[in-house]
Amino acid sequence: MAIDLDPQQLGLQFGSGAVIGGIVGFAAKKVAKLIAVLIGIELALFAFLESRGILTVKWDRLTAGLVQASQDAASQTPPSWLMTILSTLSVSAGFSGGFLVGFRKG
């Protein structure tokens, strides 16, 4: 059982994964900022409409739903496709590093 690794191919996969990850990370941070602003505006609008008596917001139900969703996500077991993704470690390691750099610079 000989593993035939080509350092040039691994470097190419790692480098291309890093570049793509950097671009995706940069874009993800920009999109996350936009979503955060939209959610903030929506919550401010809800509070304004509630103060005028136009709308009634059940804030405890809103936050309970968020807490329940995060608990559900934490209790799930990883799917089998996750193992397939982990098997492509050279590309995913480069992508992860690039994503973090792009996200930080974005």
N, C-alpha and C. Protein backbone atom coordinates (compact mmCIF):
# COMPACT_ATOMS: atom_id res chain seq x y z
N MET A 1 0.84 -1.17 0.00
CA MET A 1 0.00 0.00 0.00
C MET A 1 0.89 1.24 0.00
N ALA A 2 1.33 1.63 -1.14
CA ALA A 2 2.18 2.81 -1.27
C ALA A 2 1.32 4.01 -1.63
N ILE A 3 1.54 5.08 -0.91
CA ILE A 3 0.81 6.31 -1.18
C ILE A 3 1.66 7.16 -2.10
N ASP A 4 1.14 7.45 -3.25
CA ASP A 4 1.88 8.21 -4.25
C ASP A 4 1.44 9.67 -4.17
N LEU A 5 2.21 10.49 -3.45
CA LEU A 5 1.89 11.90 -3.28
C LEU A 5 2.80 12.74 -4.15
N ASP A 6 2.21 13.63 -4.90
CA ASP A 6 2.97 14.56 -5.73
C ASP A 6 2.96 15.92 -5.03
N PRO A 7 4.11 16.39 -4.54
CA PRO A 7 4.14 17.67 -3.80
C PRO A 7 3.67 18.85 -4.65
N GLN A 8 3.94 18.80 -5.95
CA GLN A 8 3.51 19.89 -6.82
C GLN A 8 1.99 19.94 -6.91
N GLN A 9 1.36 18.77 -7.03
CA GLN A 9 -0.10 18.71 -7.11
C GLN A 9 -0.73 19.14 -5.80
N LEU A 10 -0.14 18.70 -4.66
CA LEU A 10 -0.66 19.11 -3.37
C LEU A 10 -0.54 20.62 -3.17
N GLY A 11 0.58 21.19 -3.59
CA GLY A 11 0.76 22.64 -3.49
C GLY A 11 -0.23 23.39 -4.35
N LEU A 12 -0.48 22.88 -5.55
CA LEU A 12 -1.45 23.51 -6.45
C LEU A 12 -2.85 23.46 -5.86
N GLN A 13 -3.22 22.32 -5.30
CA GLN A 13 -4.54 22.19 -4.67
C GLN A 13 -4.66 23.11 -3.46
N PHE A 14 -3.61 23.14 -2.65
CA PHE A 14 -3.64 23.99 -1.46
C PHE A 14 -3.72 25.46 -1.84
N GLY A 15 -2.92 25.88 -2.83
CA GLY A 15 -2.92 27.28 -3.26
C GLY A 15 -4.23 27.71 -3.88
N SER A 16 -4.78 26.87 -4.75
CA SER A 16 -6.05 27.23 -5.38
C SER A 16 -7.17 27.24 -4.34
N GLY A 17 -7.12 26.32 -3.39
CA GLY A 17 -8.11 26.33 -2.32
C GLY A 17 -8.00 27.59 -1.47
N ALA A 18 -6.77 28.04 -1.22
CA ALA A 18 -6.56 29.25 -0.43
C ALA A 18 -7.08 30.49 -1.15
N VAL A 19 -6.86 30.59 -2.44
CA VAL A 19 -7.34 31.74 -3.21
C VAL A 19 -8.86 31.77 -3.24
N ILE A 20 -9.46 30.63 -3.54
CA ILE A 20 -10.93 30.56 -3.58
C ILE A 20 -11.51 30.82 -2.19
N GLY A 21 -10.88 30.27 -1.16
CA GLY A 21 -11.34 30.51 0.20
C GLY A 21 -11.25 31.97 0.59
N GLY A 22 -10.18 32.64 0.17
CA GLY A 22 -10.04 34.06 0.46
C GLY A 22 -11.14 34.89 -0.18
N ILE A 23 -11.47 34.57 -1.41
CA ILE A 23 -12.53 35.30 -2.11
C ILE A 23 -13.89 35.05 -1.43
N VAL A 24 -14.16 33.79 -1.11
CA VAL A 24 -15.43 33.44 -0.47
C VAL A 24 -15.51 34.07 0.93
N GLY A 25 -14.40 34.05 1.67
CA GLY A 25 -14.39 34.65 3.00
C GLY A 25 -14.65 36.14 2.97
N PHE A 26 -14.03 36.82 2.01
CA PHE A 26 -14.22 38.25 1.86
C PHE A 26 -15.69 38.56 1.55
N ALA A 27 -16.25 37.81 0.62
CA ALA A 27 -17.66 38.01 0.25
C ALA A 27 -18.60 37.65 1.40
N ALA A 28 -18.27 36.59 2.14
CA ALA A 28 -19.12 36.16 3.24
C ALA A 28 -19.19 37.23 4.32
N LYS A 29 -18.08 37.90 4.59
CA LYS A 29 -18.11 38.94 5.61
C LYS A 29 -18.94 40.13 5.15
N LYS A 30 -18.84 40.48 3.88
CA LYS A 30 -19.65 41.59 3.36
C LYS A 30 -21.13 41.25 3.44
N VAL A 31 -21.49 40.03 3.07
CA VAL A 31 -22.90 39.60 3.13
C VAL A 31 -23.37 39.54 4.58
N ALA A 32 -22.52 39.05 5.49
CA ALA A 32 -22.90 38.98 6.90
C ALA A 32 -23.14 40.37 7.48
N LYS A 33 -22.33 41.35 7.08
CA LYS A 33 -22.55 42.72 7.55
C LYS A 33 -23.87 43.27 7.03
N LEU A 34 -24.17 43.00 5.77
CA LEU A 34 -25.42 43.47 5.19
C LEU A 34 -26.61 42.83 5.89
N ILE A 35 -26.55 41.54 6.15
CA ILE A 35 -27.64 40.86 6.85
C ILE A 35 -27.81 41.40 8.27
N ALA A 36 -26.70 41.65 8.95
CA ALA A 36 -26.78 42.20 10.31
C ALA A 36 -27.44 43.58 10.31
N VAL A 37 -27.12 44.41 9.33
CA VAL A 37 -27.74 45.73 9.24
C VAL A 37 -29.24 45.60 8.96
N LEU A 38 -29.61 44.71 8.05
CA LEU A 38 -31.03 44.52 7.73
C LEU A 38 -31.81 44.00 8.94
N ILE A 39 -31.24 43.06 9.68
CA ILE A 39 -31.92 42.56 10.87
C ILE A 39 -32.03 43.65 11.93
N GLY A 40 -30.99 44.45 12.09
CA GLY A 40 -31.04 45.56 13.04
C GLY A 40 -32.12 46.57 12.68
N ILE A 41 -32.22 46.89 11.40
CA ILE A 41 -33.26 47.83 10.95
C ILE A 41 -34.65 47.23 11.19
N GLU A 42 -34.79 45.94 10.91
CA GLU A 42 -36.08 45.28 11.12
C GLU A 42 -36.48 45.29 12.59
N LEU A 43 -35.53 44.98 13.48
CA LEU A 43 -35.85 44.99 14.91
C LEU A 43 -36.17 46.40 15.40
N ALA A 44 -35.45 47.40 14.88
CA ALA A 44 -35.75 48.78 15.26
C ALA A 44 -37.13 49.18 14.75
N LEU A 45 -37.49 48.74 13.56
CA LEU A 45 -38.82 49.02 13.02
C LEU A 45 -39.90 48.35 13.86
N PHE A 46 -39.65 47.09 14.27
CA PHE A 46 -40.60 46.41 15.15
C PHE A 46 -40.78 47.17 16.46
N ALA A 47 -39.70 47.62 17.04
CA ALA A 47 -39.78 48.36 18.31
C ALA A 47 -40.53 49.67 18.12
N PHE A 48 -40.27 50.36 17.00
CA PHE A 48 -40.98 51.62 16.72
C PHE A 48 -42.47 51.39 16.55
N LEU A 49 -42.83 50.39 15.74
CA LEU A 49 -44.24 50.10 15.50
C LEU A 49 -44.94 49.63 16.78
N GLU A 50 -44.21 48.93 17.63
CA GLU A 50 -44.79 48.50 18.89
C GLU A 50 -45.01 49.69 19.82
N SER A 51 -44.09 50.65 19.81
CA SER A 51 -44.26 51.83 20.68
C SER A 51 -45.42 52.70 20.22
N ARG A 52 -45.78 52.65 18.95
CA ARG A 52 -46.92 53.41 18.43
C ARG A 52 -48.24 52.64 18.57
N GLY A 53 -48.18 51.39 19.02
CA GLY A 53 -49.40 50.60 19.20
C GLY A 53 -49.90 49.98 17.91
N ILE A 54 -49.10 49.98 16.87
CA ILE A 54 -49.52 49.41 15.59
C ILE A 54 -49.29 47.91 15.56
N LEU A 55 -48.27 47.48 16.25
CA LEU A 55 -47.83 46.09 16.19
C LEU A 55 -47.54 45.60 17.61
N THR A 56 -47.82 44.34 17.85
CA THR A 56 -47.48 43.73 19.13
C THR A 56 -46.46 42.64 18.87
N VAL A 57 -45.29 42.78 19.49
CA VAL A 57 -44.21 41.81 19.31
C VAL A 57 -44.04 41.03 20.60
N LYS A 58 -44.07 39.73 20.49
CA LYS A 58 -43.83 38.86 21.65
C LYS A 58 -42.33 38.55 21.65
N TRP A 59 -41.56 39.40 22.32
CA TRP A 59 -40.10 39.31 22.30
C TRP A 59 -39.61 38.01 22.91
N ASP A 60 -40.29 37.49 23.95
CA ASP A 60 -39.86 36.25 24.58
C ASP A 60 -40.02 35.07 23.63
N ARG A 61 -41.05 35.07 22.81
CA ARG A 61 -41.22 34.00 21.83
C ARG A 61 -40.18 34.10 20.72
N LEU A 62 -39.83 35.31 20.36
CA LEU A 62 -38.83 35.51 19.32
C LEU A 62 -37.47 34.98 19.77
N THR A 63 -37.06 35.31 20.97
CA THR A 63 -35.76 34.85 21.46
C THR A 63 -35.79 33.37 21.80
N ALA A 64 -36.92 32.84 22.25
CA ALA A 64 -37.01 31.41 22.55
C ALA A 64 -36.82 30.59 21.29
N GLY A 65 -37.32 31.07 20.17
CA GLY A 65 -37.14 30.37 18.91
C GLY A 65 -35.68 30.33 18.49
N LEU A 66 -34.96 31.42 18.74
CA LEU A 66 -33.54 31.44 18.40
C LEU A 66 -32.74 30.50 19.29
N VAL A 67 -33.07 30.46 20.56
CA VAL A 67 -32.38 29.57 21.49
C VAL A 67 -32.65 28.12 21.11
N GLN A 68 -33.89 27.79 20.78
CA GLN A 68 -34.25 26.43 20.40
C GLN A 68 -33.54 26.01 19.13
N ALA A 69 -33.43 26.91 18.14
CA ALA A 69 -32.75 26.59 16.89
C ALA A 69 -31.27 26.31 17.12
N SER A 70 -30.64 27.08 17.99
CA SER A 70 -29.22 26.84 18.26
C SER A 70 -29.01 25.54 19.02
N GLN A 71 -29.93 25.18 19.91
CA GLN A 71 -29.82 23.91 20.63
C GLN A 71 -30.03 22.74 19.69
N ASP A 72 -30.96 22.86 18.75
CA ASP A 72 -31.19 21.80 17.78
C ASP A 72 -29.97 21.59 16.89
N ALA A 73 -29.34 22.67 16.48
CA ALA A 73 -28.16 22.56 15.63
C ALA A 73 -26.99 21.93 16.37
N ALA A 74 -26.86 22.20 17.65
CA ALA A 74 -25.74 21.66 18.43
C ALA A 74 -25.91 20.18 18.71
N SER A 75 -27.14 19.68 18.75
CA SER A 75 -27.38 18.29 19.12
C SER A 75 -27.32 17.33 17.94
N GLN A 76 -27.20 17.81 16.72
CA GLN A 76 -27.19 16.93 15.56
C GLN A 76 -25.84 16.27 15.37
N THR A 77 -25.85 15.03 14.86
CA THR A 77 -24.62 14.32 14.55
C THR A 77 -24.17 14.70 13.15
N PRO A 78 -22.87 14.68 12.90
CA PRO A 78 -22.39 15.06 11.58
C PRO A 78 -22.83 14.05 10.51
N PRO A 79 -23.26 14.54 9.35
CA PRO A 79 -23.70 13.64 8.29
C PRO A 79 -22.53 12.92 7.62
N SER A 80 -22.84 11.90 6.85
CA SER A 80 -21.79 11.11 6.20
C SER A 80 -21.04 11.91 5.15
N TRP A 81 -21.68 12.90 4.55
CA TRP A 81 -20.98 13.70 3.53
C TRP A 81 -19.87 14.52 4.15
N LEU A 82 -19.94 14.74 5.46
CA LEU A 82 -18.87 15.46 6.13
C LEU A 82 -17.56 14.68 6.06
N MET A 83 -17.65 13.38 6.17
CA MET A 83 -16.44 12.55 6.07
C MET A 83 -15.85 12.62 4.67
N THR A 84 -16.69 12.73 3.66
CA THR A 84 -16.20 12.87 2.30
C THR A 84 -15.47 14.19 2.12
N ILE A 85 -16.00 15.24 2.71
CA ILE A 85 -15.35 16.55 2.62
C ILE A 85 -14.01 16.54 3.34
N LEU A 86 -13.97 15.87 4.49
CA LEU A 86 -12.72 15.82 5.25
C LEU A 86 -11.65 15.02 4.53
N SER A 87 -12.05 14.13 3.64
CA SER A 87 -11.06 13.33 2.91
C SER A 87 -10.30 14.17 1.89
N THR A 88 -10.82 15.31 1.51
CA THR A 88 -10.13 16.21 0.58
C THR A 88 -9.41 17.28 1.38
N LEU A 89 -8.53 16.86 2.25
CA LEU A 89 -7.91 17.74 3.23
C LEU A 89 -7.01 18.80 2.61
N SER A 90 -6.29 18.48 1.53
CA SER A 90 -5.36 19.46 0.98
C SER A 90 -6.09 20.69 0.44
N VAL A 91 -7.19 20.48 -0.24
CA VAL A 91 -7.95 21.60 -0.77
C VAL A 91 -8.69 22.32 0.36
N SER A 92 -9.27 21.55 1.28
CA SER A 92 -10.05 22.18 2.35
C SER A 92 -9.18 22.94 3.33
N ALA A 93 -7.96 22.49 3.55
CA ALA A 93 -7.05 23.22 4.44
C ALA A 93 -6.68 24.57 3.82
N GLY A 94 -6.39 24.57 2.54
CA GLY A 94 -6.09 25.83 1.86
C GLY A 94 -7.30 26.75 1.83
N PHE A 95 -8.47 26.16 1.56
CA PHE A 95 -9.69 26.95 1.52
C PHE A 95 -9.97 27.57 2.88
N SER A 96 -9.80 26.79 3.94
CA SER A 96 -10.07 27.29 5.29
C SER A 96 -9.14 28.45 5.65
N GLY A 97 -7.87 28.29 5.35
CA GLY A 97 -6.92 29.36 5.62
C GLY A 97 -7.23 30.61 4.82
N GLY A 98 -7.52 30.42 3.55
CA GLY A 98 -7.88 31.56 2.70
C GLY A 98 -9.17 32.21 3.13
N PHE A 99 -10.14 31.41 3.53
CA PHE A 99 -11.41 31.94 4.01
C PHE A 99 -11.21 32.83 5.23
N LEU A 100 -10.39 32.36 6.17
CA LEU A 100 -10.15 33.15 7.38
C LEU A 100 -9.45 34.46 7.06
N VAL A 101 -8.47 34.41 6.15
CA VAL A 101 -7.76 35.64 5.77
C VAL A 101 -8.72 36.60 5.06
N GLY A 102 -9.51 36.06 4.11
CA GLY A 102 -10.47 36.90 3.40
C GLY A 102 -11.53 37.46 4.30
N PHE A 103 -12.00 36.67 5.25
CA PHE A 103 -13.03 37.13 6.18
C PHE A 103 -12.47 38.22 7.09
N ARG A 104 -11.23 38.06 7.50
CA ARG A 104 -10.61 39.06 8.36
C ARG A 104 -10.36 40.37 7.61
N LYS A 105 -9.96 40.27 6.35
CA LYS A 105 -9.66 41.47 5.56
C LYS A 105 -10.93 42.15 5.06
N GLY A 106 -12.04 41.41 4.98
CA GLY A 106 -13.30 41.97 4.47
C GLY A 106 -13.88 42.87 5.46
